[in-house]
Amino acid sequence: MKKSQSESIFSRLHFINWLWGLSLVGLFEQAAGALFQFLKPQIALGAFGGEVNAGVPEEFEPGTVSFVQKGRFYISRLDDGGILAIWQRCPHLGCTVPWREDLGQFYCPCHSSLFDPNGEVIGGPAPRPLDIFPIIILEGNLLVDTSNPIERKSFNPSQALYTD
């Protein structure tokens, strides 16, 4: 049997519509993938939001507080040798809290909260101590996991890392 001209046109039209629909699906898939990649947080290796190498424990003398800029935290080396990685964000309203060497404490400039070298509140409206980050020692270096802040109600020596 011979196909009529209308049947062959219909099948061609059907095929072209099918290709058109398939190309639209592919276009939307690519657009969705690009949007996902755009919105996905990009964490640079060794930057805040990931693991940050703070250096070797010997760099930090007992009784000192040192700022690690790329990680946005302080390494507080306690008098007993313990090491804390203290986030610079105030738990009251999220302000950046600098270490004041002249006062020997953290001082929040927003609402005057004061914190000791352990990060505990010693004055002001802050509801709890400064958050800390977990620390591990890998190949002699302090690695601080800034993707996982730890809220605490008070300081406990078990929160510090001891190298001895």
C-alpha atoms as a PDB file:
ATOM      1  CA  MET A   1       0.000   0.000   0.000  1.00  0.00           C
ATOM      2  CA  LYS A   2       1.003   3.434  -0.801  1.00  0.00           C
ATOM      3  CA  LYS A   3       1.055   6.045   1.976  1.00  0.00           C
ATOM      4  CA  SER A   4      -0.872   9.141   1.338  1.00  0.00           C
ATOM      5  CA  GLN A   5       0.900  12.475   1.366  1.00  0.00           C
ATOM      6  CA  SER A   6      -0.990  13.579   4.521  1.00  0.00           C
ATOM      7  CA  GLU A   7       0.259  10.535   6.463  1.00  0.00           C
ATOM      8  CA  SER A   8       3.910  11.230   5.598  1.00  0.00           C
ATOM      9  CA  ILE A   9       3.534  14.927   6.468  1.00  0.00           C
ATOM     10  CA  PHE A  10       1.912  14.010   9.755  1.00  0.00           C
ATOM     11  CA  SER A  11       4.729  11.626  10.648  1.00  0.00           C
ATOM     12  CA  ARG A  12       7.345  14.230   9.720  1.00  0.00           C
ATOM     13  CA  LEU A  13       5.487  16.845  11.734  1.00  0.00           C
ATOM     14  CA  HIS A  14       5.219  14.430  14.638  1.00  0.00           C
ATOM     15  CA  PHE A  15       8.964  13.701  14.434  1.00  0.00           C
ATOM     16  CA  ILE A  16       9.865  17.431  14.302  1.00  0.00           C
ATOM     17  CA  ASN A  17       7.615  18.144  17.310  1.00  0.00           C
ATOM     18  CA  TRP A  18       9.239  15.277  19.196  1.00  0.00           C
ATOM     19  CA  LEU A  19      12.736  16.676  18.437  1.00  0.00           C
ATOM     20  CA  TRP A  20      11.620  20.172  19.458  1.00  0.00           C
ATOM     21  CA  GLY A  21      10.293  18.867  22.806  1.00  0.00           C
ATOM     22  CA  LEU A  22      13.461  16.870  23.415  1.00  0.00           C
ATOM     23  CA  SER A  23      15.650  19.911  22.756  1.00  0.00           C
ATOM     24  CA  LEU A  24      13.559  22.008  25.202  1.00  0.00           C
ATOM     25  CA  VAL A  25      13.976  19.364  27.894  1.00  0.00           C
ATOM     26  CA  GLY A  26      17.755  19.399  27.307  1.00  0.00           C
ATOM     27  CA  LEU A  27      17.824  23.195  27.447  1.00  0.00           C
ATOM     28  CA  PHE A  28      15.955  23.276  30.766  1.00  0.00           C
ATOM     29  CA  GLU A  29      18.223  20.575  32.216  1.00  0.00           C
ATOM     30  CA  GLN A  30      21.302  22.605  31.304  1.00  0.00           C
ATOM     31  CA  ALA A  31      19.787  25.795  32.743  1.00  0.00           C
ATOM     32  CA  ALA A  32      18.874  24.023  35.993  1.00  0.00           C
ATOM     33  CA  GLY A  33      22.393  22.552  36.256  1.00  0.00           C
ATOM     34  CA  ALA A  34      23.985  25.962  35.703  1.00  0.00           C
ATOM     35  CA  LEU A  35      21.683  27.546  38.295  1.00  0.00           C
ATOM     36  CA  PHE A  36      22.540  24.818  40.813  1.00  0.00           C
ATOM     37  CA  GLN A  37      26.281  25.355  40.277  1.00  0.00           C
ATOM     38  CA  PHE A  38      25.805  29.123  40.646  1.00  0.00           C
ATOM     39  CA  LEU A  39      23.879  28.816  43.924  1.00  0.00           C
ATOM     40  CA  LYS A  40      26.072  26.070  45.446  1.00  0.00           C
ATOM     41  CA  PRO A  41      28.530  27.577  47.943  1.00  0.00           C
ATOM     42  CA  GLN A  42      32.089  27.424  46.665  1.00  0.00           C
ATOM     43  CA  ILE A  43      34.475  26.761  49.536  1.00  0.00           C
ATOM     44  CA  ALA A  44      38.090  27.379  48.685  1.00  0.00           C
ATOM     45  CA  LEU A  45      40.523  24.830  50.031  1.00  0.00           C
ATOM     46  CA  GLY A  46      41.883  26.053  53.360  1.00  0.00           C
ATOM     47  CA  ALA A  47      39.348  28.887  53.737  1.00  0.00           C
ATOM     48  CA  PHE A  48      36.472  29.583  56.111  1.00  0.00           C
ATOM     49  CA  GLY A  49      33.729  26.996  55.769  1.00  0.00           C
ATOM     50  CA  GLY A  50      36.190  24.113  55.456  1.00  0.00           C
ATOM     51  CA  GLU A  51      39.306  22.847  57.164  1.00  0.00           C
ATOM     52  CA  VAL A  52      41.866  25.579  57.840  1.00  0.00           C
ATOM     53  CA  ASN A  53      45.512  24.906  58.655  1.00  0.00           C
ATOM     54  CA  ALA A  54      46.288  27.163  61.632  1.00  0.00           C
ATOM     55  CA  GLY A  55      49.941  26.179  61.893  1.00  0.00           C
ATOM     56  CA  VAL A  56      51.916  24.060  64.344  1.00  0.00           C
ATOM     57  CA  PRO A  57      51.105  24.086  68.074  1.00  0.00           C
ATOM     58  CA  GLU A  58      54.583  25.369  68.941  1.00  0.00           C
ATOM     59  CA  GLU A  59      53.788  28.693  67.172  1.00  0.00           C
ATOM     60  CA  PHE A  60      51.325  29.555  69.935  1.00  0.00           C
ATOM     61  CA  GLU A  61      52.816  30.356  73.322  1.00  0.00           C
ATOM     62  CA  PRO A  62      50.785  29.462  76.441  1.00  0.00           C
ATOM     63  CA  GLY A  63      48.674  32.388  77.640  1.00  0.00           C
ATOM     64  CA  THR A  64      48.385  34.001  74.179  1.00  0.00           C
ATOM     65  CA  VAL A  65      45.546  34.608  71.731  1.00  0.00           C
ATOM     66  CA  SER A  66      46.339  34.745  67.998  1.00  0.00           C
ATOM     67  CA  PHE A  67      44.038  35.655  65.102  1.00  0.00           C
ATOM     68  CA  VAL A  68      43.909  33.331  62.069  1.00  0.00           C
ATOM     69  CA  GLN A  69      42.438  35.583  59.390  1.00  0.00           C
ATOM     70  CA  LYS A  70      41.760  33.016  56.664  1.00  0.00           C
ATOM     71  CA  GLY A  71      39.692  30.997  59.150  1.00  0.00           C
ATOM     72  CA  ARG A  72      38.019  33.912  60.963  1.00  0.00           C
ATOM     73  CA  PHE A  73      38.924  32.467  64.347  1.00  0.00           C
ATOM     74  CA  TYR A  74      41.385  32.883  67.190  1.00  0.00           C
ATOM     75  CA  ILE A  75      43.742  30.280  68.547  1.00  0.00           C
ATOM     76  CA  SER A  76      43.682  30.700  72.300  1.00  0.00           C
ATOM     77  CA  ARG A  77      46.578  28.867  73.906  1.00  0.00           C
ATOM     78  CA  LEU A  78      45.569  28.413  77.519  1.00  0.00           C
ATOM     79  CA  ASP A  79      48.036  28.722  80.391  1.00  0.00           C
ATOM     80  CA  ASP A  80      47.861  24.949  80.946  1.00  0.00           C
ATOM     81  CA  GLY A  81      48.801  24.296  77.280  1.00  0.00           C
ATOM     82  CA  GLY A  82      45.288  23.584  75.991  1.00  0.00           C
ATOM     83  CA  ILE A  83      44.322  24.960  72.574  1.00  0.00           C
ATOM     84  CA  LEU A  84      40.933  26.434  71.635  1.00  0.00           C
ATOM     85  CA  ALA A  85      39.826  27.638  68.196  1.00  0.00           C
ATOM     86  CA  ILE A  86      37.382  30.435  69.067  1.00  0.00           C
ATOM     87  CA  TRP A  87      35.073  31.891  66.409  1.00  0.00           C
ATOM     88  CA  GLN A  88      35.228  35.680  66.144  1.00  0.00           C
ATOM     89  CA  ARG A  89      31.398  35.980  65.942  1.00  0.00           C
ATOM     90  CA  CYS A  90      29.533  37.289  68.993  1.00  0.00           C
ATOM     91  CA  PRO A  91      26.650  35.023  70.073  1.00  0.00           C
ATOM     92  CA  HIS A  92      24.557  38.086  70.958  1.00  0.00           C
ATOM     93  CA  LEU A  93      24.004  39.666  67.529  1.00  0.00           C
ATOM     94  CA  GLY A  94      26.751  38.204  65.341  1.00  0.00           C
ATOM     95  CA  CYS A  95      29.197  41.115  65.457  1.00  0.00           C
ATOM     96  CA  THR A  96      32.902  40.549  64.886  1.00  0.00           C
ATOM     97  CA  VAL A  97      34.634  40.349  68.253  1.00  0.00           C
ATOM     98  CA  PRO A  98      38.298  41.446  68.286  1.00  0.00           C
ATOM     99  CA  TRP A  99      40.846  40.362  70.870  1.00  0.00           C
ATOM    100  CA  ARG A 100      42.021  43.349  72.896  1.00  0.00           C
ATOM    101  CA  GLU A 101      45.580  42.634  73.968  1.00  0.00           C
ATOM    102  CA  ASP A 102      45.586  45.760  76.169  1.00  0.00           C
ATOM    103  CA  LEU A 103      42.535  44.474  78.093  1.00  0.00           C
ATOM    104  CA  GLY A 104      43.459  40.796  77.913  1.00  0.00           C
ATOM    105  CA  GLN A 105      39.961  39.923  76.723  1.00  0.00           C
ATOM    106  CA  PHE A 106      37.643  39.800  73.747  1.00  0.00           C
ATOM    107  CA  TYR A 107      35.607  42.989  73.455  1.00  0.00           C
ATOM    108  CA  CYS A 108      32.471  43.187  71.283  1.00  0.00           C
ATOM    109  CA  PRO A 109      32.192  46.746  69.943  1.00  0.00           C
ATOM    110  CA  CYS A 110      28.446  46.442  69.205  1.00  0.00           C
ATOM    111  CA  HIS A 111      27.050  46.065  72.725  1.00  0.00           C
ATOM    112  CA  SER A 112      30.173  45.842  74.908  1.00  0.00           C
ATOM    113  CA  SER A 113      30.096  42.145  75.695  1.00  0.00           C
ATOM    114  CA  LEU A 114      33.346  40.986  77.249  1.00  0.00           C
ATOM    115  CA  PHE A 115      34.839  37.490  77.009  1.00  0.00           C
ATOM    116  CA  ASP A 116      37.877  35.955  78.685  1.00  0.00           C
ATOM    117  CA  PRO A 117      40.586  34.018  76.764  1.00  0.00           C
ATOM    118  CA  ASN A 118      38.446  30.856  77.090  1.00  0.00           C
ATOM    119  CA  GLY A 119      35.586  32.695  75.337  1.00  0.00           C
ATOM    120  CA  GLU A 120      33.393  32.808  78.451  1.00  0.00           C
ATOM    121  CA  VAL A 121      31.161  35.834  79.035  1.00  0.00           C
ATOM    122  CA  ILE A 122      32.474  38.145  81.768  1.00  0.00           C
ATOM    123  CA  GLY A 123      30.212  41.100  81.019  1.00  0.00           C
ATOM    124  CA  GLY A 124      27.573  42.498  78.700  1.00  0.00           C
ATOM    125  CA  PRO A 125      24.435  41.117  77.082  1.00  0.00           C
ATOM    126  CA  ALA A 126      25.916  38.065  75.339  1.00  0.00           C
ATOM    127  CA  PRO A 127      23.816  35.026  76.343  1.00  0.00           C
ATOM    128  CA  ARG A 128      26.594  32.425  76.173  1.00  0.00           C
ATOM    129  CA  PRO A 129      30.323  31.967  75.477  1.00  0.00           C
ATOM    130  CA  LEU A 130      31.898  32.412  72.061  1.00  0.00           C
ATOM    131  CA  ASP A 131      31.516  29.376  69.814  1.00  0.00           C
ATOM    132  CA  ILE A 132      34.492  27.125  69.195  1.00  0.00           C
ATOM    133  CA  PHE A 133      35.586  24.957  66.275  1.00  0.00           C
ATOM    134  CA  PRO A 134      36.863  21.373  66.471  1.00  0.00           C
ATOM    135  CA  ILE A 135      40.628  20.967  66.126  1.00  0.00           C
ATOM    136  CA  ILE A 136      42.668  17.953  65.094  1.00  0.00           C
ATOM    137  CA  ILE A 137      46.398  17.519  64.661  1.00  0.00           C
ATOM    138  CA  LEU A 138      47.382  16.087  61.292  1.00  0.00           C
ATOM    139  CA  GLU A 139      51.043  15.696  60.352  1.00  0.00           C
ATOM    140  CA  GLY A 140      51.989  18.102  63.157  1.00  0.00           C
ATOM    141  CA  ASN A 141      49.605  20.870  62.004  1.00  0.00           C
ATOM    142  CA  LEU A 142      46.493  22.199  63.723  1.00  0.00           C
ATOM    143  CA  LEU A 143      43.527  21.669  61.386  1.00  0.00           C
ATOM    144  CA  VAL A 144      40.418  23.602  62.385  1.00  0.00           C
ATOM    145  CA  ASP A 145      37.041  22.547  60.950  1.00  0.00           C
ATOM    146  CA  THR A 146      35.254  25.885  60.416  1.00  0.00           C
ATOM    147  CA  SER A 147      32.210  24.179  58.883  1.00  0.00           C
ATOM    148  CA  ASN A 148      31.154  22.897  62.301  1.00  0.00           C
ATOM    149  CA  PRO A 149      30.873  25.616  65.020  1.00  0.00           C
ATOM    150  CA  ILE A 150      30.157  24.277  68.498  1.00  0.00           C
ATOM    151  CA  GLU A 151      27.798  26.226  70.754  1.00  0.00           C
ATOM    152  CA  ARG A 152      28.519  25.872  74.435  1.00  0.00           C
ATOM    153  CA  LYS A 153      26.981  26.948  77.718  1.00  0.00           C
ATOM    154  CA  SER A 154      30.272  27.350  79.580  1.00  0.00           C
ATOM    155  CA  PHE A 155      33.951  26.554  79.296  1.00  0.00           C
ATOM    156  CA  ASN A 156      35.066  23.030  80.128  1.00  0.00           C
ATOM    157  CA  PRO A 157      38.722  21.933  79.892  1.00  0.00           C
ATOM    158  CA  SER A 158      37.595  18.950  77.768  1.00  0.00           C
ATOM    159  CA  GLN A 159      36.785  21.464  74.988  1.00  0.00           C
ATOM    160  CA  ALA A 160      40.489  22.252  74.576  1.00  0.00           C
ATOM    161  CA  LEU A 161      42.976  20.194  72.599  1.00  0.00           C
ATOM    162  CA  TYR A 162      46.033  19.071  74.533  1.00  0.00           C
ATOM    163  CA  THR A 163      49.104  18.053  72.542  1.00  0.00           C
ATOM    164  CA  ASP A 164      51.029  16.306  75.322  1.00  0.00           C
END
